[in-house]
Protein backbone atom coordinates (compact mmCIF):
# COMPACT_ATOMS: atom_id res chain seq x y z
CA MET A 1 -111.37 -33.44 50.15
CA SER A 2 -112.52 -31.18 47.35
CA GLU A 3 -111.29 -29.79 44.06
CA ILE A 4 -111.83 -26.35 42.52
CA ILE A 5 -113.39 -26.43 39.06
CA GLN A 6 -113.06 -23.55 36.61
CA LEU A 7 -114.35 -24.21 33.11
CA SER A 8 -115.77 -22.17 30.28
CA ALA A 9 -117.35 -22.92 26.92
CA GLU A 10 -119.02 -21.09 24.06
CA VAL A 11 -122.47 -22.31 23.07
CA PRO A 12 -122.20 -23.58 19.48
CA SER A 13 -124.85 -22.38 17.04
CA GLU A 14 -126.44 -25.82 16.72
CA LEU A 15 -127.23 -25.83 20.47
CA GLY A 16 -128.67 -22.30 20.43
CA GLY A 17 -132.30 -22.05 21.51
CA GLN A 18 -132.11 -24.97 23.94
CA ARG A 19 -132.50 -24.93 27.72
CA LEU A 20 -129.39 -24.08 29.75
CA ASP A 21 -129.43 -27.40 31.62
CA GLN A 22 -129.59 -29.33 28.32
CA VAL A 23 -126.77 -27.31 26.77
CA ALA A 24 -124.60 -27.59 29.89
CA ALA A 25 -125.08 -31.37 29.93
CA GLN A 26 -123.57 -31.53 26.44
CA LEU A 27 -120.77 -29.01 26.91
CA PHE A 28 -119.74 -30.26 30.35
CA ALA A 29 -120.54 -33.92 29.80
CA GLU A 30 -118.11 -35.11 32.47
CA TYR A 31 -120.63 -33.99 35.10
CA SER A 32 -124.09 -35.38 35.71
CA ARG A 33 -127.20 -33.45 34.69
CA SER A 34 -128.35 -33.23 38.31
CA ARG A 35 -125.02 -31.81 39.51
CA LEU A 36 -124.96 -29.23 36.71
CA THR A 37 -128.55 -28.23 37.51
CA SER A 38 -127.57 -27.72 41.15
CA TRP A 39 -124.65 -25.52 40.13
CA ILE A 40 -126.92 -23.45 37.87
CA LYS A 41 -129.39 -22.93 40.74
CA GLU A 42 -126.51 -21.97 43.05
CA GLY A 43 -125.28 -19.40 40.54
CA ARG A 44 -122.02 -21.25 39.94
CA LEU A 45 -122.72 -21.84 36.24
CA THR A 46 -123.44 -18.51 34.54
CA VAL A 47 -124.37 -17.32 31.03
CA ASP A 48 -122.48 -14.23 29.84
CA GLY A 49 -121.81 -13.49 33.50
CA ALA A 50 -125.47 -13.63 34.50
CA VAL A 51 -127.21 -16.08 36.79
CA VAL A 52 -130.16 -17.70 35.02
CA ARG A 53 -132.52 -20.62 35.61
CA PRO A 54 -131.90 -24.18 34.36
CA ARG A 55 -134.94 -23.95 32.04
CA ASP A 56 -133.97 -20.61 30.48
CA LEU A 57 -133.01 -20.73 26.80
CA VAL A 58 -129.48 -19.83 25.73
CA HIS A 59 -128.30 -18.51 22.38
CA GLY A 60 -125.46 -19.59 20.15
CA GLY A 61 -122.31 -17.64 20.94
CA SER A 62 -123.16 -17.20 24.62
CA GLN A 63 -120.33 -17.84 27.07
CA LEU A 64 -120.89 -20.37 29.84
CA ALA A 65 -118.63 -20.12 32.88
CA LEU A 66 -118.45 -22.70 35.65
CA GLU A 67 -116.78 -22.01 38.96
CA ALA A 68 -117.54 -24.63 41.55
CA GLU A 69 -116.08 -26.88 44.16
CA GLN A 70 -116.15 -30.57 43.39
CA GLU A 71 -116.98 -32.37 46.60
CA ALA A 72 -116.13 -35.98 47.19
CA GLN A 73 -118.40 -38.03 44.95
CA GLY A 74 -121.01 -39.89 46.96
CA GLU A 75 -120.81 -41.90 50.15
CA TRP A 76 -118.76 -44.66 48.64
CA ILE A 77 -116.48 -46.83 50.74
CA ALA A 78 -112.95 -47.81 49.76
CA GLU A 79 -112.51 -51.58 49.71
CA ASP A 80 -109.33 -53.63 49.34
CA ILE A 81 -110.35 -55.58 46.24
CA GLU A 82 -107.64 -56.98 44.01
CA LEU A 83 -107.29 -55.34 40.60
CA ASP A 84 -105.64 -56.84 37.52
CA ILE A 85 -103.73 -53.72 36.46
CA VAL A 86 -102.46 -53.75 32.90
CA TYR A 87 -101.03 -50.22 32.89
CA GLU A 88 -100.79 -47.33 35.32
CA ASP A 89 -99.23 -43.86 35.47
CA ASP A 90 -100.08 -40.63 37.30
CA HIS A 91 -103.09 -39.95 35.07
CA ILE A 92 -104.73 -43.19 33.93
CA LEU A 93 -105.21 -46.77 34.96
CA VAL A 94 -106.01 -49.64 32.60
CA ILE A 95 -107.46 -52.76 34.17
CA ASN A 96 -108.47 -56.21 32.97
CA LYS A 97 -111.93 -56.68 34.50
CA PRO A 98 -112.93 -60.19 35.55
CA ALA A 99 -116.39 -61.67 35.15
CA GLY A 100 -118.69 -61.00 38.09
CA LEU A 101 -117.24 -57.60 39.02
CA VAL A 102 -119.84 -54.82 38.97
CA VAL A 103 -118.31 -51.54 37.78
CA HIS A 104 -120.36 -48.99 39.74
CA PRO A 105 -122.44 -49.21 42.94
CA ALA A 106 -126.16 -49.46 42.30
CA ALA A 107 -129.26 -50.98 43.84
CA GLY A 108 -128.29 -54.46 44.96
CA HIS A 109 -124.58 -53.75 44.54
CA ALA A 110 -123.67 -51.10 47.11
CA SER A 111 -120.21 -52.54 47.68
CA GLY A 112 -117.72 -54.95 46.19
CA THR A 113 -117.57 -52.99 42.93
CA LEU A 114 -114.73 -51.73 40.76
CA LEU A 115 -115.42 -48.21 42.07
CA ASN A 116 -114.90 -49.38 45.66
CA ALA A 117 -111.62 -51.00 44.60
CA LEU A 118 -110.47 -47.83 42.84
CA LEU A 119 -111.09 -45.72 45.95
CA HIS A 120 -108.75 -48.01 47.89
CA HIS A 121 -106.08 -48.11 45.20
CA VAL A 122 -106.19 -44.36 44.38
CA PRO A 123 -107.79 -42.50 47.35
CA ASP A 124 -107.73 -39.09 45.59
CA ILE A 125 -109.92 -40.49 42.81
CA VAL A 126 -112.88 -39.69 45.07
CA ASN A 127 -112.61 -36.12 43.72
CA VAL A 128 -113.03 -37.21 40.09
CA PRO A 129 -116.60 -37.59 38.73
CA ARG A 130 -117.73 -41.23 39.01
CA ALA A 131 -114.30 -42.01 40.50
CA GLY A 132 -112.72 -41.74 37.08
CA ILE A 133 -114.91 -44.32 35.37
CA VAL A 134 -115.47 -43.05 31.81
CA HIS A 135 -116.96 -46.20 30.27
CA ARG A 136 -118.36 -49.42 31.65
CA LEU A 137 -118.42 -53.13 31.05
CA ASP A 138 -121.40 -55.22 32.10
CA LYS A 139 -120.98 -57.27 35.28
CA ASP A 140 -120.21 -60.49 33.41
CA THR A 141 -118.27 -59.00 30.51
CA THR A 142 -114.50 -59.34 30.86
CA GLY A 143 -111.61 -57.30 29.54
CA LEU A 144 -110.02 -53.89 29.25
CA MET A 145 -111.22 -50.66 30.84
CA VAL A 146 -109.48 -47.32 31.18
CA VAL A 147 -109.99 -45.21 34.31
CA ALA A 148 -109.01 -41.54 34.79
CA LYS A 149 -107.07 -40.80 37.97
CA THR A 150 -107.38 -37.00 37.68
CA LEU A 151 -110.10 -34.56 36.65
CA GLN A 152 -107.97 -33.33 33.73
CA ALA A 153 -107.50 -36.88 32.43
CA GLN A 154 -111.18 -37.62 32.92
CA THR A 155 -112.24 -34.57 30.92
CA LYS A 156 -109.92 -35.45 28.03
CA LEU A 157 -110.96 -39.11 27.98
CA VAL A 158 -114.64 -38.16 27.93
CA GLU A 159 -113.92 -35.85 24.99
CA GLN A 160 -112.19 -38.71 23.16
CA MET A 161 -115.11 -41.03 23.87
CA GLN A 162 -117.61 -38.50 22.57
CA ALA A 163 -115.51 -37.88 19.45
CA ARG A 164 -115.36 -41.67 18.88
CA LYS A 165 -111.57 -41.61 19.01
CA VAL A 166 -111.16 -44.39 21.57
CA SER A 167 -110.84 -47.76 19.86
CA ARG A 168 -112.63 -50.59 21.66
CA ILE A 169 -112.62 -54.02 20.06
CA TYR A 170 -114.39 -57.00 21.58
CA GLU A 171 -114.59 -60.71 20.86
CA CYS A 172 -117.68 -62.81 21.40
CA ILE A 173 -119.13 -66.22 20.66
CA VAL A 174 -122.56 -66.05 19.07
CA ILE A 175 -125.30 -68.57 18.40
CA GLY A 176 -125.61 -69.30 14.69
CA VAL A 177 -123.23 -69.34 11.75
CA VAL A 178 -122.38 -65.82 10.61
CA THR A 179 -121.72 -65.89 6.87
CA ALA A 180 -119.90 -62.55 6.59
CA GLY A 181 -118.99 -59.46 8.55
CA GLY A 182 -120.94 -56.24 8.41
CA LYS A 183 -122.03 -52.99 9.98
CA ILE A 184 -124.97 -52.63 12.34
CA ASP A 185 -126.37 -49.11 12.43
CA ALA A 186 -129.42 -49.33 14.67
CA PRO A 187 -130.40 -46.90 17.47
CA ILE A 188 -130.61 -48.29 21.01
CA GLY A 189 -132.89 -47.15 23.83
CA ARG A 190 -134.74 -48.53 26.83
CA HIS A 191 -137.07 -51.43 26.09
CA GLY A 192 -140.67 -50.21 26.18
CA GLY A 193 -141.97 -52.94 28.46
CA MET A 194 -138.90 -53.99 30.46
CA ARG A 195 -136.87 -51.08 31.84
CA GLN A 196 -133.87 -53.26 32.71
CA ARG A 197 -133.46 -54.19 29.05
CA MET A 198 -132.24 -52.20 26.09
CA ALA A 199 -133.62 -52.61 22.57
CA VAL A 200 -133.25 -51.37 19.02
CA THR A 201 -135.84 -48.62 18.86
CA ASP A 202 -136.61 -45.67 16.61
CA GLY A 203 -136.39 -43.28 19.54
CA GLY A 204 -133.04 -44.59 20.74
CA LYS A 205 -129.59 -43.04 20.61
CA PRO A 206 -127.42 -43.67 17.53
CA ALA A 207 -125.49 -46.92 17.85
CA VAL A 208 -123.01 -48.36 15.36
CA SER A 209 -121.11 -51.66 15.57
CA HIS A 210 -118.79 -53.27 13.02
CA TYR A 211 -118.33 -57.04 13.16
CA ARG A 212 -116.27 -59.64 11.35
CA VAL A 213 -115.96 -63.39 11.48
CA LEU A 214 -112.91 -64.90 13.17
CA LYS A 215 -113.97 -68.55 12.95
CA ARG A 216 -117.13 -70.45 12.10
CA PHE A 217 -118.20 -73.60 13.89
CA ARG A 218 -121.09 -75.93 13.13
CA SER A 219 -123.70 -73.83 14.89
CA HIS A 220 -121.73 -70.98 16.46
CA THR A 221 -119.30 -68.26 15.37
CA HIS A 222 -116.33 -66.53 16.97
CA VAL A 223 -116.83 -62.85 16.11
CA ARG A 224 -114.82 -59.65 16.58
CA VAL A 225 -116.81 -56.44 17.12
CA LYS A 226 -115.50 -52.88 16.96
CA LEU A 227 -117.63 -50.27 18.67
CA GLU A 228 -118.16 -46.91 17.03
CA THR A 229 -120.50 -45.81 19.83
CA GLY A 230 -120.82 -47.05 23.40
CA ARG A 231 -124.45 -47.65 24.28
CA THR A 232 -125.54 -49.81 27.20
CA HIS A 233 -125.47 -53.50 26.20
CA GLN A 234 -124.68 -52.41 22.62
CA ILE A 235 -122.97 -55.56 21.34
CA ARG A 236 -125.46 -57.85 23.06
CA VAL A 237 -128.44 -55.95 21.64
CA HIS A 238 -126.99 -55.48 18.16
CA MET A 239 -125.89 -59.07 17.64
CA ALA A 240 -129.27 -60.35 18.87
CA HIS A 241 -130.96 -57.84 16.55
CA VAL A 242 -129.28 -59.36 13.48
CA GLY A 243 -130.12 -62.89 14.62
CA PHE A 244 -126.89 -63.91 16.34
CA PRO A 245 -127.28 -63.54 20.12
CA LEU A 246 -124.33 -64.17 22.39
CA VAL A 247 -123.81 -67.54 24.01
CA GLY A 248 -124.75 -67.36 27.69
CA ASP A 249 -126.72 -64.13 27.42
CA GLN A 250 -129.70 -64.63 29.72
CA THR A 251 -131.21 -61.25 28.80
CA TYR A 252 -130.94 -61.14 25.02
CA GLY A 253 -130.05 -64.74 24.16
CA GLY A 254 -132.00 -66.89 21.78
CA ARG A 255 -132.80 -70.58 21.87
CA PHE A 256 -129.93 -73.03 22.05
CA ARG A 257 -128.70 -74.23 18.70
CA ILE A 258 -126.86 -77.48 19.12
CA PRO A 259 -125.56 -79.28 16.01
CA PRO A 260 -126.56 -82.93 15.54
CA ALA A 261 -124.37 -85.60 17.15
CA ALA A 262 -122.46 -83.06 19.24
CA SER A 263 -120.54 -84.38 22.22
CA PRO A 264 -122.29 -84.24 25.60
CA THR A 265 -119.40 -82.14 26.92
CA MET A 266 -119.87 -79.49 24.27
CA VAL A 267 -123.66 -79.47 24.65
CA GLU A 268 -123.32 -79.01 28.41
CA ALA A 269 -120.71 -76.26 28.02
CA VAL A 270 -122.90 -74.25 25.65
CA LYS A 271 -126.06 -74.69 27.70
CA THR A 272 -124.46 -73.84 31.04
CA PHE A 273 -122.00 -71.11 30.00
CA PRO A 274 -122.45 -68.86 33.04
CA ARG A 275 -122.29 -65.44 31.39
CA GLN A 276 -122.49 -63.69 28.05
CA ALA A 277 -119.44 -64.81 26.04
CA LEU A 278 -118.06 -61.30 25.56
CA HIS A 279 -114.54 -59.99 26.15
CA ALA A 280 -113.08 -56.50 25.67
CA ARG A 281 -109.95 -57.63 23.82
CA PHE A 282 -108.27 -54.46 22.51
CA LEU A 283 -108.17 -50.86 23.70
CA ALA A 284 -106.41 -47.92 22.02
CA LEU A 285 -106.48 -44.22 22.84
CA ALA A 286 -104.41 -41.06 22.90
CA HIS A 287 -102.97 -40.51 26.37
CA PRO A 288 -105.08 -37.68 27.84
CA ILE A 289 -102.02 -35.68 28.94
CA THR A 290 -99.15 -36.56 26.60
CA GLY A 291 -101.21 -37.28 23.48
CA GLU A 292 -99.21 -40.46 22.86
CA VAL A 293 -101.22 -43.20 21.14
CA MET A 294 -101.34 -46.21 23.46
CA LYS A 295 -102.63 -49.72 22.80
CA TRP A 296 -103.38 -52.69 25.01
CA GLU A 297 -104.52 -56.26 24.41
CA SER A 298 -106.08 -58.65 26.91
CA PRO A 299 -105.87 -62.41 26.36
CA LEU A 300 -109.14 -64.30 26.21
CA PRO A 301 -110.24 -65.58 29.64
CA ASP A 302 -110.08 -69.28 30.45
CA ASP A 303 -113.82 -69.99 30.19
CA PHE A 304 -113.92 -68.35 26.75
CA VAL A 305 -110.87 -70.34 25.56
CA TRP A 306 -112.38 -73.58 26.89
CA LEU A 307 -115.64 -73.05 25.02
CA LEU A 308 -113.78 -72.21 21.81
CA SER A 309 -111.73 -75.38 22.13
CA LEU A 310 -114.85 -77.52 22.52
CA LEU A 311 -116.52 -75.86 19.54
CA ASN A 312 -113.38 -76.37 17.49
CA GLN A 313 -113.12 -80.06 18.48
CA ASP A 314 -116.72 -80.52 17.41
CA ARG A 315 -116.04 -78.80 14.09
CA GLU A 316 -112.90 -80.82 13.38
CA SER A 317 -114.60 -84.13 14.14
CA PHE A 318 -117.23 -83.50 11.46
CA ILE A 319 -115.03 -82.10 8.68
CA GLY A 320 -114.99 -84.45 5.73
């Protein structure tokens, strides 16, 4: 199976003077840099009708034209994995992701992923870049994700993501008592010493999170976070950066903070919570085809609710 791609774009003045492969990666962001580079080398992505090299500089006002054939994406295998589908039409799919489900195949997770499940549920999605996945949730983060079923929907959703027009609101339980909400504007990039980790770093990409307190407990806080950007591990890194790491976060978590005289049940629940306590609660976007504004909400998962109830019992028992 394959799909014919015909796209064009004018190089904006602010991108003038950069390499063609760098400009193409920004103007055709729905495709990977490596795939775009291949198309440039094959003469399928031209500048003002001319075939040039990936490293050649392009000028503002130049016309890029892409005519290519989108082959099936990768050697992925369709697998009959149950999906919790919140909404579906001919163009998009919204799912409620459970904890433990990896979104995309990678080293150590070649199968059993959301992508494998999508290929089984929507076979034609193999022709869409990354099988329609336009944003990700970490393996142990739960909640709402939108997936594009067609190339047109994927392109429009990526544009919305880049324009920060998709509303993604999460809830989490953090260690420490947050006194007030706020804005975290701190760039995120790869950790200098540990490549599997992200960190707030001067050389990172812009990252902005807005958080507010939902409920305070004796040594923890239930927090709502709205993402303005979508960097890898953004909420986990940002909340740890301001001194309030997520409960259960083995990568960015801090030391346990247990209030005095807490019940053994609560202490055990906090210490052994098996994942970062993070849930993608609300999702809102303009439908990529109709333009209709659509909103979804996912209830908190059982383990999250159980932990909140224990924290609340502890709080109530010490009031007054």
